[in-house]
Protein backbone atom coordinates (compact mmCIF):
# COMPACT_ATOMS: atom_id res chain seq x y z
CA MET A 1 73.15 138.69 49.44
CA MET A 2 70.02 136.90 50.64
CA ARG A 3 69.57 139.50 53.38
CA VAL A 4 69.55 142.22 50.72
CA VAL A 5 67.02 140.29 48.62
CA ARG A 6 64.72 139.86 51.62
CA ALA A 7 65.06 143.54 52.50
CA ILE A 8 64.06 144.56 48.98
CA TYR A 9 61.22 142.03 49.12
CA ARG A 10 59.84 143.77 52.19
CA VAL A 11 59.58 147.11 50.38
CA ARG A 12 58.42 145.67 47.06
CA GLY A 13 54.94 147.09 47.59
CA SER A 14 56.06 150.69 47.96
CA LEU A 15 58.57 150.28 45.12
CA TYR A 16 55.92 148.86 42.80
CA PHE A 17 53.46 151.55 43.88
CA SER A 18 55.99 154.27 43.04
CA ALA A 19 56.94 152.70 39.71
CA ALA A 20 53.30 152.27 38.74
CA GLY A 21 52.65 155.93 39.59
CA ILE A 22 55.47 157.01 37.30
CA LEU A 23 54.24 154.82 34.44
CA ILE A 24 50.64 155.96 34.82
CA GLY A 25 51.77 159.58 34.99
CA ASN A 26 53.82 159.11 31.83
CA ALA A 27 50.91 157.49 30.02
CA VAL A 28 48.62 160.38 30.92
CA LEU A 29 50.98 163.35 30.76
CA GLY A 30 53.98 162.13 28.76
CA ARG A 31 52.69 163.40 25.43
CA PHE A 32 52.78 166.94 26.79
CA VAL A 33 56.54 166.71 27.37
CA THR A 34 57.93 168.03 24.09
CA VAL A 35 61.12 169.80 25.12
CA GLU A 36 63.96 167.95 23.39
CA ALA A 37 66.38 168.46 26.27
CA ILE A 38 63.98 166.79 28.72
CA LEU A 39 62.94 163.79 26.63
CA PRO A 40 66.06 161.65 27.32
CA TYR A 41 65.60 162.09 31.09
CA ARG A 42 61.90 161.26 30.88
CA ASN A 43 62.65 158.14 28.86
CA ALA A 44 65.32 157.09 31.33
CA VAL A 45 62.93 157.47 34.27
CA VAL A 46 60.28 155.45 32.45
CA TRP A 47 62.73 152.62 31.69
CA VAL A 48 63.90 152.56 35.31
CA ALA A 49 60.29 152.45 36.51
CA MET A 50 59.56 149.53 34.16
CA ALA A 51 62.63 147.69 35.44
CA ILE A 52 61.62 148.25 39.07
CA ALA A 53 58.07 147.07 38.39
CA ALA A 54 59.38 143.93 36.68
CA LEU A 55 61.81 143.28 39.57
CA CYS A 56 58.96 143.56 42.07
CA VAL A 57 56.91 141.00 40.14
CA VAL A 58 59.86 138.59 40.08
CA LEU A 59 60.45 139.06 43.81
CA THR A 60 56.77 138.50 44.57
CA PHE A 61 56.80 135.04 43.01
CA SER A 62 60.35 133.88 43.76
CA VAL A 63 61.26 135.05 47.27
CA PRO A 64 58.46 133.59 49.48
CA ARG A 65 59.91 130.07 49.34
CA LEU A 66 63.22 131.47 50.61
CA LEU A 67 61.72 133.17 53.65
CA PRO A 68 62.29 131.57 57.08
CA GLN A 69 59.24 129.74 58.40
CA GLU A 70 57.71 131.54 61.38
CA SER A 71 56.27 129.46 64.21
CA THR A 72 52.51 129.54 64.68
CA ARG A 73 51.39 131.95 67.39
CA SER A 74 48.41 131.13 69.59
CA VAL A 75 46.08 134.12 70.04
CA LEU A 76 42.47 134.75 70.99
CA ALA A 77 39.83 134.82 68.29
CA PRO A 78 38.72 138.42 67.65
CA VAL A 79 35.05 137.40 67.77
CA VAL A 80 32.58 135.53 69.97
CA GLY A 81 29.94 133.05 68.83
CA ARG A 82 29.54 130.94 65.69
CA TRP A 83 31.48 132.22 62.67
CA GLN A 84 32.25 130.88 59.22
CA ALA A 85 35.81 131.00 57.86
CA LEU A 86 36.47 132.48 54.43
CA ASN A 87 39.87 132.90 52.74
CA SER A 88 41.42 130.73 55.42
CA PRO A 89 45.15 129.85 55.54
CA ALA A 90 44.03 126.33 56.48
CA SER A 91 42.91 125.97 52.84
CA ALA A 92 45.67 127.88 51.02
CA VAL A 93 48.68 130.11 51.67
CA PRO A 94 48.66 132.94 50.85
CA SER A 95 45.06 132.85 52.03
CA HIS A 96 43.97 135.93 50.08
CA GLY A 97 45.90 135.06 46.95
CA VAL A 98 48.71 137.53 47.66
CA ARG A 99 51.22 138.18 50.44
CA ALA A 100 50.90 141.95 50.15
CA TYR A 101 50.00 143.96 53.27
CA GLY A 102 51.19 141.13 55.54
CA GLN A 103 48.12 139.01 54.84
CA ALA A 104 49.72 135.69 53.86
CA TYR A 105 48.05 133.94 56.82
CA ALA A 106 45.04 136.24 57.25
CA ILE A 107 41.53 134.89 57.77
CA ASP A 108 38.09 136.38 57.10
CA LEU A 109 35.27 135.61 59.52
CA VAL A 110 31.54 135.98 58.89
CA TYR A 111 28.99 135.72 61.70
CA ASP A 112 26.81 132.70 60.93
CA ASP A 113 24.39 132.14 63.75
CA ILE A 114 21.79 129.53 62.81
CA GLN A 115 19.05 131.81 64.15
CA ALA A 116 20.29 134.81 62.13
CA PRO A 117 21.00 133.72 58.52
CA ARG A 118 22.84 135.98 56.09
CA PRO A 119 20.93 137.46 53.12
CA GLU A 120 20.87 135.19 50.09
CA PHE A 121 23.52 135.95 47.49
CA GLY A 122 22.44 136.67 43.92
CA ARG A 123 19.54 139.10 44.23
CA ALA A 124 20.26 142.81 44.52
CA MET A 125 23.59 144.03 43.15
CA MET A 126 24.21 145.97 46.37
CA SER A 127 22.55 145.55 49.75
CA ASP A 128 22.33 147.56 52.95
CA PRO A 129 25.07 146.24 55.30
CA ASN A 130 22.59 146.47 58.20
CA ARG A 131 20.79 143.46 56.72
CA TYR A 132 23.80 141.29 57.56
CA PRO A 133 23.99 139.90 61.12
CA THR A 134 27.77 140.33 61.04
CA PHE A 135 27.45 144.10 60.81
CA GLY A 136 27.91 145.64 64.26
CA GLN A 137 29.17 142.47 65.96
CA PRO A 138 31.76 143.23 68.67
CA VAL A 139 35.43 142.73 67.84
CA TYR A 140 38.03 141.88 70.49
CA ALA A 141 41.81 142.17 70.83
CA MET A 142 43.63 138.99 69.81
CA ILE A 143 46.64 139.86 71.97
CA GLY A 144 47.50 142.18 74.80
CA GLY A 145 49.72 145.12 73.96
CA THR A 146 49.80 148.71 72.80
CA VAL A 147 47.69 150.19 70.03
CA VAL A 148 50.05 151.53 67.36
CA ARG A 149 47.45 152.33 64.71
CA ALA A 150 43.73 153.02 65.03
CA SER A 151 41.89 154.21 61.94
CA GLY A 152 38.11 154.47 61.91
CA TRP A 153 37.02 157.32 59.61
CA ARG A 154 36.20 155.42 56.42
CA ARG A 155 32.56 154.91 55.47
CA ASP A 156 30.76 151.56 55.45
CA HIS A 157 29.61 150.89 51.89
CA ARG A 158 26.83 148.65 50.65
CA ALA A 159 27.48 144.91 50.33
CA ARG A 160 28.25 143.54 46.86
CA SER A 161 25.54 140.89 46.84
CA ASN A 162 25.40 139.35 43.36
CA GLY A 163 27.74 138.57 40.47
CA TRP A 164 27.60 142.07 39.03
CA GLY A 165 28.31 143.47 42.46
CA ILE A 166 31.45 141.32 42.70
CA VAL A 167 32.61 142.53 39.27
CA TYR A 168 32.08 146.10 40.46
CA MET A 169 34.07 145.33 43.63
CA MET A 170 36.99 143.95 41.60
CA ILE A 171 37.16 147.12 39.50
CA GLU A 172 36.75 149.26 42.59
CA GLY A 173 39.45 147.23 44.35
CA ALA A 174 41.97 148.05 41.63
CA LEU A 175 41.26 151.74 42.18
CA ARG A 176 41.52 151.32 45.95
CA GLU A 177 45.01 149.91 45.49
CA LEU A 178 46.08 153.29 44.11
CA GLY A 179 45.25 154.84 47.47
CA GLY A 180 47.43 152.44 49.46
CA PRO A 181 46.65 149.74 52.05
CA GLY A 182 44.30 151.84 54.17
CA PHE A 183 41.78 152.07 51.33
CA VAL A 184 41.95 148.28 50.89
CA ILE A 185 41.68 147.11 54.50
CA GLY A 186 39.33 149.90 55.57
CA ASN A 187 38.95 150.87 59.21
CA HIS A 188 41.44 148.88 61.23
CA LEU A 189 43.40 148.45 64.41
CA VAL A 190 47.02 147.34 64.89
CA ILE A 191 48.22 146.18 68.32
CA ARG A 192 51.88 145.59 69.14
CA GLY A 193 52.37 142.67 71.48
CA ASP A 194 55.14 142.59 74.07
CA ASP A 195 56.92 139.92 71.99
CA GLY A 196 57.05 142.19 68.94
CA VAL A 197 54.18 140.58 67.02
CA TYR A 198 51.53 142.86 65.52
CA ALA A 199 47.87 141.84 65.51
CA VAL A 200 45.47 143.37 62.99
CA VAL A 201 41.68 143.45 62.78
CA ALA A 202 40.17 145.19 59.77
CA HIS A 203 36.98 146.20 57.91
CA LEU A 204 35.65 147.72 61.14
CA LYS A 205 32.58 149.92 61.39
CA GLN A 206 33.04 153.63 60.87
CA GLY A 207 33.44 155.48 64.17
CA SER A 208 33.21 152.29 66.25
CA LEU A 209 36.77 152.03 67.59
CA ALA A 210 36.77 151.71 71.37
CA VAL A 211 40.53 152.33 71.73
CA SER A 212 43.02 154.88 70.45
CA ASN A 213 46.69 155.18 69.50
CA GLY A 214 49.07 154.59 72.40
CA GLN A 215 46.46 152.93 74.58
CA ARG A 216 47.29 149.71 76.40
CA VAL A 217 44.76 146.89 75.80
CA SER A 218 44.31 143.43 77.26
CA ALA A 219 43.83 140.29 75.18
CA GLY A 220 40.08 139.75 74.84
CA GLY A 221 39.22 143.40 75.43
CA LEU A 222 36.61 145.10 73.24
CA VAL A 223 38.27 147.21 70.53
CA GLY A 224 35.45 148.01 68.10
CA TYR A 225 32.62 146.63 65.96
CA CYS A 226 32.47 144.86 62.62
CA GLY A 227 31.69 147.00 59.59
CA ASN A 228 31.94 146.90 55.82
CA SER A 229 34.72 149.39 55.08
CA GLY A 230 37.51 149.00 52.56
CA ASN A 231 37.64 146.30 49.89
CA SER A 232 34.86 144.13 51.31
CA SER A 233 32.06 142.23 49.60
CA GLU A 234 30.00 141.94 52.79
CA PRO A 235 30.48 142.74 56.49
CA HIS A 236 33.19 140.52 57.96
CA VAL A 237 36.17 140.60 60.32
CA HIS A 238 39.61 140.31 58.73
CA ALA A 239 42.31 139.14 61.17
CA GLN A 240 46.07 138.64 60.75
CA LEU A 241 49.44 138.74 62.47
CA MET A 242 52.52 140.56 61.11
CA ASP A 243 56.15 141.01 62.09
CA ARG A 244 56.09 144.78 61.44
CA SER A 245 53.54 147.51 62.12
CA SER A 246 53.55 148.73 58.51
CA PHE A 247 51.35 147.06 55.91
CA TRP A 248 53.95 148.05 53.33
CA THR A 249 56.82 146.07 54.92
CA GLY A 250 55.21 143.58 57.31
CA LEU A 251 55.30 139.85 56.61
CA GLY A 252 52.51 137.57 57.72
CA ILE A 253 52.85 135.23 60.71
CA PRO A 254 50.76 132.04 61.03
CA MET A 255 48.31 131.96 63.93
CA SER A 256 45.84 129.72 65.71
CA PHE A 257 42.95 130.60 68.02
CA SER A 258 43.12 129.31 71.59
CA ASN A 259 39.49 129.90 72.59
CA ILE A 260 37.52 128.06 69.90
CA SER A 261 35.82 124.82 69.08
CA GLU A 262 35.66 123.86 65.41
CA ASN A 263 32.58 122.95 63.37
CA ASP A 264 30.44 123.04 66.53
CA GLU A 265 32.13 119.89 67.86
CA ALA A 266 35.60 119.11 69.16
CA THR A 267 37.78 121.61 70.93
CA ALA A 268 40.35 123.02 68.51
CA THR A 269 42.98 125.69 68.16
CA ALA A 270 43.73 125.29 64.46
CA LEU A 271 41.81 127.52 62.07
CA PRO A 272 38.96 125.94 60.10
CA GLU A 273 39.19 125.58 56.33
CA ASN A 274 37.14 127.67 53.93
CA GLY A 275 33.45 127.17 54.65
CA GLY A 276 34.14 125.61 58.05
CA HIS A 277 32.85 127.05 61.29
CA LEU A 278 34.33 127.93 64.62
CA VAL A 279 32.63 128.75 67.89
CA ALA A 280 34.60 131.25 69.93
CA ARG A 281 34.18 131.66 73.68
CA ARG A 282 34.39 135.03 75.38
CA ALA A 283 37.79 135.36 77.06
CA ARG A 284 38.08 137.19 80.37
CA THR A 285 40.50 140.10 80.31
CA SER A 286 43.03 140.80 83.04
CA ALA A 287 40.93 143.82 84.01
CA GLU A 288 37.93 141.54 84.61
CA GLY A 289 39.95 139.29 86.89
């Protein structure tokens, strides 16, 4: 029974997405259905969709505590230099408030070099992403493996740089959800490791991917550059591990970075908490010897 529950939990996103589409379609077009013979079937479909949506909500809040605890995987940081952690699993799980799209243990990283400060928040509603030192920073493979998904066609939008901009982003984010995970995570790369773990880096710069589907990459190899695509308030690198390649069915796996020091001081592998800093060293790839 529990295996069935966990299987349904994995596909809750696509089920909810389908049910929501039916309910939205009914709200918009239902009044045009006036044929008496069709009305009972339409009503039945709507009730089923409501039941499925409710089931998905229940599963979302009740099943996570029943899931087996995955061991923490040690990987390379996808960046080099001094970076600040945002939405870190060291502060809360799920780190982004939801477990959808396999991001229970995801972390956001913002380049925070002392010599290159980020623009001050609270002025313009939207700012040119080129003003942010994170934009265009190189992004590296966290693990060695095979690229199973490389998507880099989405545009880099302006940063949401004050309170009104964040409100706009929240409304925009709800609309992005209707398009599926790709419109939320933006340009991204998924690498399948030899042990079956999938490493994701997201919000990459449009047209910057240095690898393609089916290509073999080494841990620490350059894979692209940081952008501001998808549901992003400012340029940053989103990183996570999953147990499946699909954002619809994958579950998050906890990770640590093996090539960092934390808060500019002691050597560490654990991820810093929200607002903390890490300094990542450049890792040599197998190709570099």
